[in-house]
Amino acid sequence: MRNESDRDRVIRNGRAALKRLQNDRSWTDWLAVGEAILIGREECKEACGLKDTNLPPGHWGGAYSRMFGEWLEKEKLDFDKGDRSRLLDVMDRLPAIESWRNTLTRTERMRLNHPSTVWRKWKAATAERETLPQAAPSGWGGAIETLIAAKREGAFLRLTDVDPVLSAAPYRRRDLTDLATVLSNLATYWKRNKKKIRAEG
């Protein structure tokens, strides 16, 4: 009998955890299921040529959706689509969510044991700090196109214009997510002040 691979072990544990969840809600079991379906997601992405895609999951196409559905059925890991979507959201941000959960009381952690509830509560608790755009590529693209248009019109944002915008933006210098916020703020500044900028240019 061959040794069980790490992949197979994670999937087997996830399958067992999903079965337990039918009778008892356990955050640990949800995480075990999450680890298992992450394997399926990555395998199906790679098979569909999406391994390095930056597109959000809703844009991965029908071929991926069908393959992932077949994978879940084959591995006996198929369950409510909404719960699965929230669980994958949780798994993608697990370090941040676990850090937040550690700030809760034991009673609160025991009560928050479903991915949909955890996701909703975490989003609400971190709303002011959460800066991940839901459609990052189009958001960045719109801001960049606006700034390119400004350059083509011969109007340049001077340092005296840019500095207040940057200083007001809650960005961390090495965080590309926050770079999207900076670009968006600059584009908004240009749209609101382009007449003044053109006149002073």
N, C-alpha and C. Protein backbone atom coordinates (compact mmCIF):
# COMPACT_ATOMS: atom_id res chain seq x y z
N MET A 1 0.85 -1.20 0.00
CA MET A 1 0.00 0.00 0.00
C MET A 1 0.88 1.25 0.00
N ARG A 2 0.61 2.16 -0.93
CA ARG A 2 1.46 3.35 -1.05
C ARG A 2 1.20 4.30 0.10
N ASN A 3 2.22 5.11 0.41
CA ASN A 3 2.07 6.11 1.46
C ASN A 3 1.10 7.19 1.00
N GLU A 4 0.31 7.69 1.93
CA GLU A 4 -0.64 8.74 1.61
C GLU A 4 0.11 10.06 1.42
N SER A 5 -0.16 10.74 0.33
CA SER A 5 0.50 12.03 0.09
C SER A 5 -0.14 13.11 0.97
N ASP A 6 0.57 14.24 1.11
CA ASP A 6 0.02 15.35 1.87
C ASP A 6 -1.29 15.83 1.26
N ARG A 7 -1.32 15.85 -0.06
CA ARG A 7 -2.54 16.27 -0.76
C ARG A 7 -3.71 15.38 -0.38
N ASP A 8 -3.50 14.07 -0.49
CA ASP A 8 -4.59 13.14 -0.20
C ASP A 8 -5.01 13.21 1.27
N ARG A 9 -4.04 13.43 2.14
CA ARG A 9 -4.37 13.53 3.57
C ARG A 9 -5.24 14.75 3.85
N VAL A 10 -4.89 15.89 3.24
CA VAL A 10 -5.67 17.11 3.45
C VAL A 10 -7.10 16.91 2.93
N ILE A 11 -7.22 16.28 1.77
CA ILE A 11 -8.55 16.06 1.20
C ILE A 11 -9.35 15.07 2.05
N ARG A 12 -8.69 14.02 2.52
CA ARG A 12 -9.39 13.04 3.37
C ARG A 12 -9.86 13.71 4.66
N ASN A 13 -9.00 14.54 5.27
CA ASN A 13 -9.39 15.24 6.49
C ASN A 13 -10.54 16.21 6.23
N GLY A 14 -10.50 16.88 5.08
CA GLY A 14 -11.57 17.79 4.73
C GLY A 14 -12.89 17.07 4.53
N ARG A 15 -12.84 15.92 3.91
CA ARG A 15 -14.04 15.11 3.68
C ARG A 15 -14.65 14.67 5.02
N ALA A 16 -13.80 14.22 5.93
CA ALA A 16 -14.28 13.80 7.25
C ALA A 16 -14.86 14.99 8.02
N ALA A 17 -14.20 16.15 7.89
CA ALA A 17 -14.68 17.35 8.59
C ALA A 17 -16.04 17.78 8.06
N LEU A 18 -16.22 17.71 6.74
CA LEU A 18 -17.50 18.09 6.14
C LEU A 18 -18.62 17.19 6.65
N LYS A 19 -18.32 15.94 6.80
CA LYS A 19 -19.32 15.01 7.33
C LYS A 19 -19.68 15.36 8.77
N ARG A 20 -18.68 15.74 9.57
CA ARG A 20 -18.97 16.12 10.96
C ARG A 20 -19.80 17.40 11.03
N LEU A 21 -19.59 18.29 10.06
CA LEU A 21 -20.31 19.56 10.07
C LEU A 21 -21.81 19.39 9.86
N GLN A 22 -22.22 18.24 9.41
CA GLN A 22 -23.65 17.99 9.24
C GLN A 22 -24.36 17.92 10.59
N ASN A 23 -23.61 17.62 11.62
CA ASN A 23 -24.20 17.47 12.95
C ASN A 23 -23.71 18.50 13.97
N ASP A 24 -22.54 19.08 13.74
CA ASP A 24 -21.96 19.98 14.73
C ASP A 24 -21.13 21.04 14.02
N ARG A 25 -21.30 22.31 14.39
CA ARG A 25 -20.57 23.40 13.78
C ARG A 25 -19.25 23.63 14.51
N SER A 26 -18.16 23.45 13.81
CA SER A 26 -16.84 23.62 14.40
C SER A 26 -15.98 24.45 13.45
N TRP A 27 -15.39 25.53 13.97
CA TRP A 27 -14.53 26.37 13.14
C TRP A 27 -13.33 25.58 12.63
N THR A 28 -12.78 24.72 13.46
CA THR A 28 -11.65 23.89 13.05
C THR A 28 -12.02 23.00 11.88
N ASP A 29 -13.23 22.44 11.90
CA ASP A 29 -13.67 21.60 10.80
C ASP A 29 -13.87 22.41 9.53
N TRP A 30 -14.41 23.61 9.65
CA TRP A 30 -14.57 24.46 8.47
C TRP A 30 -13.20 24.76 7.84
N LEU A 31 -12.21 25.01 8.66
CA LEU A 31 -10.87 25.29 8.12
C LEU A 31 -10.30 24.06 7.43
N ALA A 32 -10.58 22.87 7.97
CA ALA A 32 -10.12 21.63 7.33
C ALA A 32 -10.77 21.47 5.96
N VAL A 33 -12.06 21.77 5.87
CA VAL A 33 -12.75 21.73 4.58
C VAL A 33 -12.15 22.77 3.64
N GLY A 34 -11.89 23.95 4.18
CA GLY A 34 -11.31 25.02 3.37
C GLY A 34 -9.97 24.65 2.77
N GLU A 35 -9.11 24.03 3.55
CA GLU A 35 -7.81 23.60 3.04
C GLU A 35 -7.97 22.59 1.91
N ALA A 36 -8.96 21.72 2.04
CA ALA A 36 -9.18 20.70 1.02
C ALA A 36 -9.67 21.32 -0.28
N ILE A 37 -10.65 22.21 -0.20
CA ILE A 37 -11.17 22.77 -1.45
C ILE A 37 -10.21 23.77 -2.09
N LEU A 38 -9.29 24.33 -1.29
CA LEU A 38 -8.24 25.16 -1.90
C LEU A 38 -7.38 24.34 -2.84
N ILE A 39 -7.13 23.09 -2.48
CA ILE A 39 -6.36 22.20 -3.35
C ILE A 39 -7.10 22.02 -4.66
N GLY A 40 -8.41 21.73 -4.57
CA GLY A 40 -9.20 21.56 -5.78
C GLY A 40 -9.23 22.81 -6.63
N ARG A 41 -9.36 23.97 -5.99
CA ARG A 41 -9.39 25.21 -6.75
C ARG A 41 -8.10 25.42 -7.52
N GLU A 42 -6.97 25.20 -6.86
CA GLU A 42 -5.69 25.42 -7.52
C GLU A 42 -5.45 24.40 -8.63
N GLU A 43 -5.83 23.15 -8.41
CA GLU A 43 -5.65 22.13 -9.45
C GLU A 43 -6.50 22.46 -10.68
N CYS A 44 -7.73 22.90 -10.46
CA CYS A 44 -8.61 23.22 -11.57
C CYS A 44 -8.17 24.50 -12.29
N LYS A 45 -7.67 25.47 -11.54
CA LYS A 45 -7.14 26.68 -12.16
C LYS A 45 -5.98 26.35 -13.08
N GLU A 46 -5.06 25.52 -12.58
CA GLU A 46 -3.90 25.16 -13.39
C GLU A 46 -4.32 24.39 -14.64
N ALA A 47 -5.28 23.48 -14.49
CA ALA A 47 -5.74 22.69 -15.64
C ALA A 47 -6.41 23.57 -16.69
N CYS A 48 -6.98 24.69 -16.26
CA CYS A 48 -7.67 25.60 -17.18
C CYS A 48 -6.76 26.75 -17.64
N GLY A 49 -5.48 26.68 -17.32
CA GLY A 49 -4.55 27.73 -17.72
C GLY A 49 -4.72 29.02 -16.95
N LEU A 50 -5.22 28.94 -15.73
CA LEU A 50 -5.50 30.13 -14.92
C LEU A 50 -4.58 30.24 -13.70
N LYS A 51 -3.51 29.49 -13.70
CA LYS A 51 -2.65 29.43 -12.52
C LYS A 51 -2.18 30.80 -12.06
N ASP A 52 -1.80 31.65 -13.00
CA ASP A 52 -1.24 32.96 -12.64
C ASP A 52 -2.21 34.11 -12.92
N THR A 53 -3.49 33.81 -13.07
CA THR A 53 -4.44 34.86 -13.40
C THR A 53 -4.62 35.86 -12.27
N ASN A 54 -4.88 37.11 -12.65
CA ASN A 54 -5.21 38.15 -11.68
C ASN A 54 -6.71 38.45 -11.67
N LEU A 55 -7.45 37.73 -12.48
CA LEU A 55 -8.89 37.94 -12.54
C LEU A 55 -9.57 37.42 -11.28
N PRO A 56 -10.64 38.06 -10.85
CA PRO A 56 -11.40 37.55 -9.70
C PRO A 56 -12.10 36.26 -10.08
N PRO A 57 -12.45 35.41 -9.11
CA PRO A 57 -13.03 34.09 -9.39
C PRO A 57 -14.24 34.11 -10.31
N GLY A 58 -15.05 35.15 -10.24
CA GLY A 58 -16.24 35.22 -11.09
C GLY A 58 -15.94 35.33 -12.56
N HIS A 59 -14.67 35.55 -12.90
CA HIS A 59 -14.28 35.71 -14.30
C HIS A 59 -13.37 34.59 -14.79
N TRP A 60 -13.38 33.46 -14.10
CA TRP A 60 -12.52 32.34 -14.49
C TRP A 60 -13.13 31.46 -15.56
N GLY A 61 -14.38 31.68 -15.89
CA GLY A 61 -14.99 31.01 -17.03
C GLY A 61 -15.73 29.73 -16.70
N GLY A 62 -16.55 29.33 -17.68
CA GLY A 62 -17.38 28.15 -17.51
C GLY A 62 -16.61 26.86 -17.41
N ALA A 63 -15.49 26.77 -18.15
CA ALA A 63 -14.70 25.54 -18.12
C ALA A 63 -14.17 25.28 -16.72
N TYR A 64 -13.70 26.35 -16.06
CA TYR A 64 -13.22 26.20 -14.69
C TYR A 64 -14.36 25.80 -13.76
N SER A 65 -15.50 26.47 -13.89
CA SER A 65 -16.64 26.18 -13.00
C SER A 65 -17.08 24.73 -13.11
N ARG A 66 -17.14 24.24 -14.36
CA ARG A 66 -17.54 22.84 -14.55
C ARG A 66 -16.51 21.88 -13.96
N MET A 67 -15.25 22.18 -14.19
CA MET A 67 -14.20 21.30 -13.69
C MET A 67 -14.15 21.29 -12.17
N PHE A 68 -14.30 22.45 -11.57
CA PHE A 68 -14.28 22.53 -10.11
C PHE A 68 -15.49 21.80 -9.52
N GLY A 69 -16.64 21.95 -10.16
CA GLY A 69 -17.83 21.25 -9.70
C GLY A 69 -17.65 19.74 -9.76
N GLU A 70 -17.04 19.27 -10.84
CA GLU A 70 -16.78 17.83 -10.98
C GLU A 70 -15.77 17.36 -9.94
N TRP A 71 -14.78 18.20 -9.66
CA TRP A 71 -13.76 17.84 -8.68
C TRP A 71 -14.40 17.71 -7.29
N LEU A 72 -15.25 18.66 -6.94
CA LEU A 72 -15.91 18.62 -5.64
C LEU A 72 -16.78 17.37 -5.50
N GLU A 73 -17.49 17.05 -6.56
CA GLU A 73 -18.35 15.86 -6.52
C GLU A 73 -17.52 14.59 -6.40
N LYS A 74 -16.44 14.53 -7.17
CA LYS A 74 -15.58 13.35 -7.14
C LYS A 74 -14.97 13.14 -5.75
N GLU A 75 -14.54 14.24 -5.12
CA GLU A 75 -13.88 14.14 -3.82
C GLU A 75 -14.86 14.17 -2.65
N LYS A 76 -16.17 14.20 -2.97
CA LYS A 76 -17.22 14.23 -1.93
C LYS A 76 -17.05 15.44 -1.02
N LEU A 77 -16.77 16.58 -1.66
CA LEU A 77 -16.60 17.84 -0.92
C LEU A 77 -17.58 18.90 -1.41
N ASP A 78 -18.65 18.48 -2.06
CA ASP A 78 -19.63 19.42 -2.57
C ASP A 78 -20.61 19.81 -1.46
N PHE A 79 -20.85 21.10 -1.32
CA PHE A 79 -21.84 21.58 -0.34
C PHE A 79 -22.35 22.92 -0.81
N ASP A 80 -23.20 23.56 -0.02
CA ASP A 80 -23.86 24.79 -0.41
C ASP A 80 -22.91 25.78 -1.08
N LYS A 81 -23.30 26.25 -2.27
CA LYS A 81 -22.42 27.12 -3.07
C LYS A 81 -22.10 28.42 -2.35
N GLY A 82 -23.11 29.01 -1.68
CA GLY A 82 -22.88 30.26 -0.96
C GLY A 82 -21.91 30.07 0.19
N ASP A 83 -22.10 29.01 0.96
CA ASP A 83 -21.17 28.72 2.06
C ASP A 83 -19.77 28.46 1.53
N ARG A 84 -19.69 27.76 0.41
CA ARG A 84 -18.38 27.46 -0.17
C ARG A 84 -17.68 28.74 -0.62
N SER A 85 -18.43 29.65 -1.23
CA SER A 85 -17.85 30.91 -1.68
C SER A 85 -17.31 31.72 -0.50
N ARG A 86 -18.10 31.80 0.59
CA ARG A 86 -17.65 32.53 1.77
C ARG A 86 -16.45 31.85 2.41
N LEU A 87 -16.44 30.52 2.41
CA LEU A 87 -15.31 29.80 3.00
C LEU A 87 -14.03 30.09 2.22
N LEU A 88 -14.12 30.13 0.90
CA LEU A 88 -12.94 30.45 0.09
C LEU A 88 -12.49 31.89 0.34
N ASP A 89 -13.45 32.81 0.51
CA ASP A 89 -13.09 34.19 0.86
C ASP A 89 -12.31 34.20 2.17
N VAL A 90 -12.80 33.44 3.14
CA VAL A 90 -12.14 33.36 4.44
C VAL A 90 -10.73 32.79 4.30
N MET A 91 -10.59 31.71 3.55
CA MET A 91 -9.29 31.05 3.39
C MET A 91 -8.28 31.98 2.72
N ASP A 92 -8.76 32.81 1.79
CA ASP A 92 -7.87 33.73 1.09
C ASP A 92 -7.35 34.83 2.01
N ARG A 93 -8.03 35.07 3.11
CA ARG A 93 -7.63 36.13 4.05
C ARG A 93 -7.47 35.58 5.46
N LEU A 94 -7.15 34.31 5.54
CA LEU A 94 -7.15 33.62 6.84
C LEU A 94 -6.24 34.26 7.88
N PRO A 95 -4.99 34.63 7.58
CA PRO A 95 -4.14 35.22 8.64
C PRO A 95 -4.78 36.45 9.28
N ALA A 96 -5.35 37.34 8.44
CA ALA A 96 -5.98 38.54 8.98
C ALA A 96 -7.22 38.20 9.79
N ILE A 97 -7.99 37.24 9.31
CA ILE A 97 -9.22 36.86 10.03
C ILE A 97 -8.89 36.17 11.34
N GLU A 98 -7.88 35.32 11.35
CA GLU A 98 -7.50 34.66 12.60
C GLU A 98 -6.95 35.67 13.60
N SER A 99 -6.22 36.65 13.12
CA SER A 99 -5.73 37.71 14.02
C SER A 99 -6.89 38.45 14.66
N TRP A 100 -7.92 38.73 13.85
CA TRP A 100 -9.10 39.40 14.38
C TRP A 100 -9.83 38.50 15.37
N ARG A 101 -9.97 37.22 15.04
CA ARG A 101 -10.66 36.30 15.95
C ARG A 101 -9.95 36.21 17.30
N ASN A 102 -8.64 36.36 17.28
CA ASN A 102 -7.88 36.29 18.54
C ASN A 102 -8.15 37.47 19.45
N THR A 103 -8.77 38.52 18.91
CA THR A 103 -9.12 39.68 19.75
C THR A 103 -10.48 39.48 20.42
N LEU A 104 -11.21 38.44 20.02
CA LEU A 104 -12.54 38.19 20.57
C LEU A 104 -12.45 37.36 21.85
N THR A 105 -13.52 37.38 22.61
CA THR A 105 -13.57 36.53 23.79
C THR A 105 -13.78 35.08 23.37
N ARG A 106 -13.52 34.17 24.27
CA ARG A 106 -13.71 32.75 23.98
C ARG A 106 -15.16 32.46 23.61
N THR A 107 -16.07 33.09 24.31
CA THR A 107 -17.50 32.89 24.02
C THR A 107 -17.84 33.38 22.62
N GLU A 108 -17.30 34.53 22.24
CA GLU A 108 -17.56 35.06 20.90
C GLU A 108 -16.98 34.15 19.83
N ARG A 109 -15.78 33.64 20.06
CA ARG A 109 -15.17 32.74 19.07
C ARG A 109 -15.97 31.46 18.91
N MET A 110 -16.48 30.95 20.01
CA MET A 110 -17.28 29.73 19.95
C MET A 110 -18.58 29.96 19.20
N ARG A 111 -19.13 31.16 19.33
CA ARG A 111 -20.39 31.47 18.66
C ARG A 111 -20.17 31.72 17.16
N LEU A 112 -19.04 32.31 16.81
CA LEU A 112 -18.73 32.59 15.40
C LEU A 112 -18.02 31.38 14.80
N ASN A 113 -18.77 30.40 14.35
CA ASN A 113 -18.17 29.16 13.88
C ASN A 113 -18.65 28.75 12.50
N HIS A 114 -19.17 29.72 11.74
CA HIS A 114 -19.62 29.45 10.37
C HIS A 114 -18.96 30.47 9.45
N PRO A 115 -18.45 30.05 8.29
CA PRO A 115 -17.71 30.98 7.43
C PRO A 115 -18.50 32.22 7.00
N SER A 116 -19.79 32.07 6.72
CA SER A 116 -20.59 33.22 6.32
C SER A 116 -20.69 34.25 7.44
N THR A 117 -20.90 33.77 8.67
CA THR A 117 -20.99 34.67 9.82
C THR A 117 -19.65 35.31 10.12
N VAL A 118 -18.60 34.51 10.10
CA VAL A 118 -17.25 35.04 10.37
C VAL A 118 -16.88 36.09 9.33
N TRP A 119 -17.16 35.80 8.07
CA TRP A 119 -16.83 36.74 6.99
C TRP A 119 -17.57 38.07 7.18
N ARG A 120 -18.86 37.99 7.48
CA ARG A 120 -19.67 39.19 7.64
C ARG A 120 -19.20 40.02 8.84
N LYS A 121 -18.94 39.36 9.96
CA LYS A 121 -18.50 40.07 11.16
C LYS A 121 -17.12 40.67 10.98
N TRP A 122 -16.22 39.92 10.33
CA TRP A 122 -14.87 40.44 10.11
C TRP A 122 -14.90 41.65 9.19
N LYS A 123 -15.70 41.56 8.12
CA LYS A 123 -15.81 42.69 7.19
C LYS A 123 -16.33 43.93 7.92
N ALA A 124 -17.32 43.73 8.77
CA ALA A 124 -17.89 44.87 9.50
C ALA A 124 -16.87 45.45 10.48
N ALA A 125 -16.12 44.58 11.14
CA ALA A 125 -15.16 45.03 12.14
C ALA A 125 -13.96 45.74 11.53
N THR A 126 -13.64 45.41 10.31
CA THR A 126 -12.44 45.96 9.67
C THR A 126 -12.79 46.87 8.50
N ALA A 127 -14.04 47.33 8.44
CA ALA A 127 -14.50 48.11 7.29
C ALA A 127 -13.64 49.33 7.03
N GLU A 128 -13.19 50.01 8.08
CA GLU A 128 -12.41 51.23 7.88
C GLU A 128 -11.00 50.94 7.38
N ARG A 129 -10.48 49.73 7.69
CA ARG A 129 -9.11 49.42 7.29
C ARG A 129 -9.06 48.59 6.01
N GLU A 130 -10.20 47.97 5.64
CA GLU A 130 -10.20 47.09 4.48
C GLU A 130 -10.15 47.93 3.21
N THR A 131 -9.11 47.78 2.41
CA THR A 131 -8.94 48.58 1.20
C THR A 131 -8.87 47.74 -0.06
N LEU A 132 -9.09 46.43 0.03
CA LEU A 132 -9.02 45.60 -1.17
C LEU A 132 -10.15 45.97 -2.11
N PRO A 133 -9.86 46.43 -3.34
CA PRO A 133 -10.94 46.75 -4.27
C PRO A 133 -11.57 45.47 -4.79
N GLN A 134 -12.89 45.48 -4.99
CA GLN A 134 -13.58 44.29 -5.47
C GLN A 134 -13.26 44.01 -6.93
N ALA A 135 -12.91 45.04 -7.67
CA ALA A 135 -12.54 44.83 -9.07
C ALA A 135 -11.27 45.61 -9.33
N ALA A 136 -10.18 45.17 -8.73
CA ALA A 136 -8.92 45.91 -8.74
C ALA A 136 -8.44 46.27 -10.14
N PRO A 137 -8.42 45.31 -11.12
CA PRO A 137 -7.89 45.66 -12.43
C PRO A 137 -8.62 46.83 -13.07
N SER A 138 -9.99 46.81 -13.07
CA SER A 138 -10.72 47.89 -13.70
C SER A 138 -10.56 49.18 -12.91
N GLY A 139 -10.48 49.10 -11.58
CA GLY A 139 -10.30 50.28 -10.76
C GLY A 139 -8.97 50.95 -11.04
N TRP A 140 -7.93 50.16 -11.10
CA TRP A 140 -6.61 50.71 -11.41
C TRP A 140 -6.61 51.28 -12.82
N GLY A 141 -7.20 50.51 -13.74
CA GLY A 141 -7.20 50.93 -15.14
C GLY A 141 -7.86 52.28 -15.32
N GLY A 142 -9.00 52.48 -14.65
CA GLY A 142 -9.70 53.75 -14.79
C GLY A 142 -8.87 54.91 -14.28
N ALA A 143 -8.21 54.71 -13.14
CA ALA A 143 -7.38 55.77 -12.58
C ALA A 143 -6.19 56.08 -13.48
N ILE A 144 -5.55 55.03 -13.98
CA ILE A 144 -4.38 55.22 -14.84
C ILE A 144 -4.77 55.91 -16.15
N GLU A 145 -5.90 55.49 -16.73
CA GLU A 145 -6.36 56.12 -17.98
C GLU A 145 -6.62 57.61 -17.78
N THR A 146 -7.17 57.96 -16.64
CA THR A 146 -7.43 59.37 -16.35
C THR A 146 -6.14 60.16 -16.27
N LEU A 147 -5.13 59.58 -15.61
CA LEU A 147 -3.84 60.28 -15.48
C LEU A 147 -3.13 60.37 -16.82
N ILE A 148 -3.25 59.33 -17.65
CA ILE A 148 -2.66 59.38 -19.00
C ILE A 148 -3.33 60.47 -19.82
N ALA A 149 -4.65 60.58 -19.70
CA ALA A 149 -5.37 61.62 -20.43
C ALA A 149 -4.90 63.01 -20.01
N ALA A 150 -4.63 63.16 -18.71
CA ALA A 150 -4.14 64.45 -18.22
C ALA A 150 -2.79 64.79 -18.86
N LYS A 151 -1.93 63.78 -18.97
CA LYS A 151 -0.61 64.01 -19.56
C LYS A 151 -0.73 64.37 -21.04
N ARG A 152 -1.64 63.68 -21.75
CA ARG A 152 -1.82 63.96 -23.18
C ARG A 152 -2.33 65.37 -23.42
N GLU A 153 -3.08 65.87 -22.46
CA GLU A 153 -3.60 67.24 -22.59
C GLU A 153 -2.54 68.28 -22.21
N GLY A 154 -1.36 67.81 -21.85
CA GLY A 154 -0.28 68.73 -21.52
C GLY A 154 -0.35 69.27 -20.12
N ALA A 155 -1.21 68.68 -19.30
CA ALA A 155 -1.33 69.12 -17.91
C ALA A 155 -0.60 68.14 -17.01
N PHE A 156 0.27 68.65 -16.19
CA PHE A 156 1.07 67.81 -15.31
C PHE A 156 0.74 68.12 -13.86
N LEU A 157 0.53 67.08 -13.09
CA LEU A 157 0.30 67.27 -11.66
C LEU A 157 1.63 67.59 -10.99
N ARG A 158 1.76 68.81 -10.50
CA ARG A 158 3.02 69.21 -9.86
C ARG A 158 3.13 68.61 -8.48
N LEU A 159 4.33 68.60 -7.93
CA LEU A 159 4.53 68.06 -6.58
C LEU A 159 3.66 68.80 -5.56
N THR A 160 3.46 70.11 -5.77
CA THR A 160 2.64 70.86 -4.83
C THR A 160 1.18 70.41 -4.90
N ASP A 161 0.78 69.86 -6.05
CA ASP A 161 -0.57 69.31 -6.18
C ASP A 161 -0.65 67.91 -5.60
N VAL A 162 0.39 67.12 -5.87
CA VAL A 162 0.36 65.71 -5.53
C VAL A 162 0.57 65.46 -4.04
N ASP A 163 1.46 66.22 -3.42
CA ASP A 163 1.81 65.97 -2.02
C ASP A 163 0.59 65.93 -1.09
N PRO A 164 -0.34 66.89 -1.17
CA PRO A 164 -1.49 66.83 -0.27
C PRO A 164 -2.35 65.59 -0.49
N VAL A 165 -2.43 65.16 -1.75
CA VAL A 165 -3.23 63.97 -2.05
C VAL A 165 -2.59 62.74 -1.44
N LEU A 166 -1.28 62.63 -1.61
CA LEU A 166 -0.58 61.47 -1.07
C LEU A 166 -0.60 61.46 0.45
N SER A 167 -0.41 62.62 1.03
CA SER A 167 -0.36 62.66 2.50
C SER A 167 -1.72 62.36 3.11
N ALA A 168 -2.79 62.61 2.35
CA ALA A 168 -4.13 62.34 2.87
C ALA A 168 -4.54 60.89 2.66
N ALA A 169 -3.79 60.18 1.82
CA ALA A 169 -4.18 58.79 1.51
C ALA A 169 -3.64 57.85 2.58
N PRO A 170 -4.49 56.96 3.10
CA PRO A 170 -4.06 56.02 4.16
C PRO A 170 -3.31 54.84 3.56
N TYR A 171 -2.14 55.14 2.94
CA TYR A 171 -1.46 54.04 2.25
C TYR A 171 -0.19 53.65 2.96
N ARG A 172 0.15 52.37 2.80
CA ARG A 172 1.40 51.83 3.30
C ARG A 172 2.29 51.63 2.09
N ARG A 173 3.50 52.14 2.15
CA ARG A 173 4.30 52.32 0.95
C ARG A 173 4.55 51.05 0.13
N ARG A 174 4.57 49.88 0.76
CA ARG A 174 4.86 48.66 0.01
C ARG A 174 3.62 47.84 -0.30
N ASP A 175 2.45 48.43 -0.09
CA ASP A 175 1.20 47.70 -0.26
C ASP A 175 0.58 48.10 -1.60
N LEU A 176 0.56 47.18 -2.58
CA LEU A 176 0.03 47.49 -3.90
C LEU A 176 -1.47 47.77 -3.85
N THR A 177 -2.14 47.19 -2.87
CA THR A 177 -3.56 47.48 -2.71
C THR A 177 -3.77 48.96 -2.45
N ASP A 178 -2.95 49.52 -1.56
CA ASP A 178 -3.09 50.93 -1.24
C ASP A 178 -2.61 51.81 -2.39
N LEU A 179 -1.74 51.27 -3.26
CA LEU A 179 -1.34 52.03 -4.44
C LEU A 179 -2.56 52.32 -5.30
N ALA A 180 -3.51 51.38 -5.36
CA ALA A 180 -4.73 51.61 -6.11
C ALA A 180 -5.49 52.80 -5.54
N THR A 181 -5.50 52.93 -4.21
CA THR A 181 -6.17 54.05 -3.56
C THR A 181 -5.48 55.37 -3.93
N VAL A 182 -4.16 55.35 -3.94
CA VAL A 182 -3.40 56.56 -4.29
C VAL A 182 -3.70 56.98 -5.72
N LEU A 183 -3.66 56.01 -6.65
CA LEU A 183 -3.94 56.32 -8.06
C LEU A 183 -5.34 56.88 -8.22
N SER A 184 -6.27 56.26 -7.52
CA SER A 184 -7.66 56.72 -7.60
C SER A 184 -7.80 58.14 -7.06
N ASN A 185 -7.11 58.43 -5.95
CA ASN A 185 -7.17 59.78 -5.37
C ASN A 185 -6.56 60.82 -6.31
N LEU A 186 -5.45 60.45 -6.95
CA LEU A 186 -4.83 61.38 -7.89
C LEU A 186 -5.74 61.64 -9.09
N ALA A 187 -6.36 60.56 -9.60
CA ALA A 187 -7.27 60.72 -10.73
C ALA A 187 -8.46 61.61 -10.36
N THR A 188 -8.99 61.40 -9.16
CA THR A 188 -10.12 62.21 -8.69
C THR A 188 -9.70 63.67 -8.56
N TYR A 189 -8.49 63.90 -8.04
CA TYR A 189 -7.98 65.26 -7.89
C TYR A 189 -7.88 65.95 -9.25
N TRP A 190 -7.39 65.20 -10.24
CA TRP A 190 -7.25 65.76 -11.58
C TRP A 190 -8.62 66.14 -12.15
N LYS A 191 -9.59 65.24 -12.01
CA LYS A 191 -10.92 65.51 -12.56
C LYS A 191 -11.53 66.76 -11.95
N ARG A 192 -11.32 66.94 -10.65
CA ARG A 192 -11.95 68.07 -9.95
C ARG A 192 -11.22 69.39 -10.17
N ASN A 193 -9.93 69.31 -10.50
CA ASN A 193 -9.12 70.52 -10.55
C ASN A 193 -8.45 70.76 -11.89
N LYS A 194 -8.91 70.05 -12.95
CA LYS A 194 -8.16 70.13 -14.22
C LYS A 194 -8.18 71.53 -14.84
N LYS A 195 -9.28 72.28 -14.64
CA LYS A 195 -9.32 73.64 -15.20
C LYS A 195 -8.24 74.50 -14.54
N LYS A 196 -8.14 74.40 -13.24
CA LYS A 196 -7.14 75.18 -12.50
C LYS A 196 -5.74 74.76 -12.89
N ILE A 197 -5.53 73.42 -13.02
CA ILE A 197 -4.20 72.90 -13.34
C ILE A 197 -3.80 73.36 -14.74
N ARG A 198 -4.75 73.30 -15.70
CA ARG A 198 -4.45 73.75 -17.07
C ARG A 198 -4.08 75.24 -17.07
N ALA A 199 -4.82 76.03 -16.32
CA ALA A 199 -4.59 77.48 -16.31
C ALA A 199 -3.25 77.83 -15.71
N GLU A 200 -2.83 77.05 -14.69
CA GLU A 200 -1.57 77.36 -14.03
C GLU A 200 -0.38 76.68 -14.70
N GLY A 201 -0.69 75.71 -15.62
CA GLY A 201 0.41 74.98 -16.28
C GLY A 201 1.15 75.87 -17.22
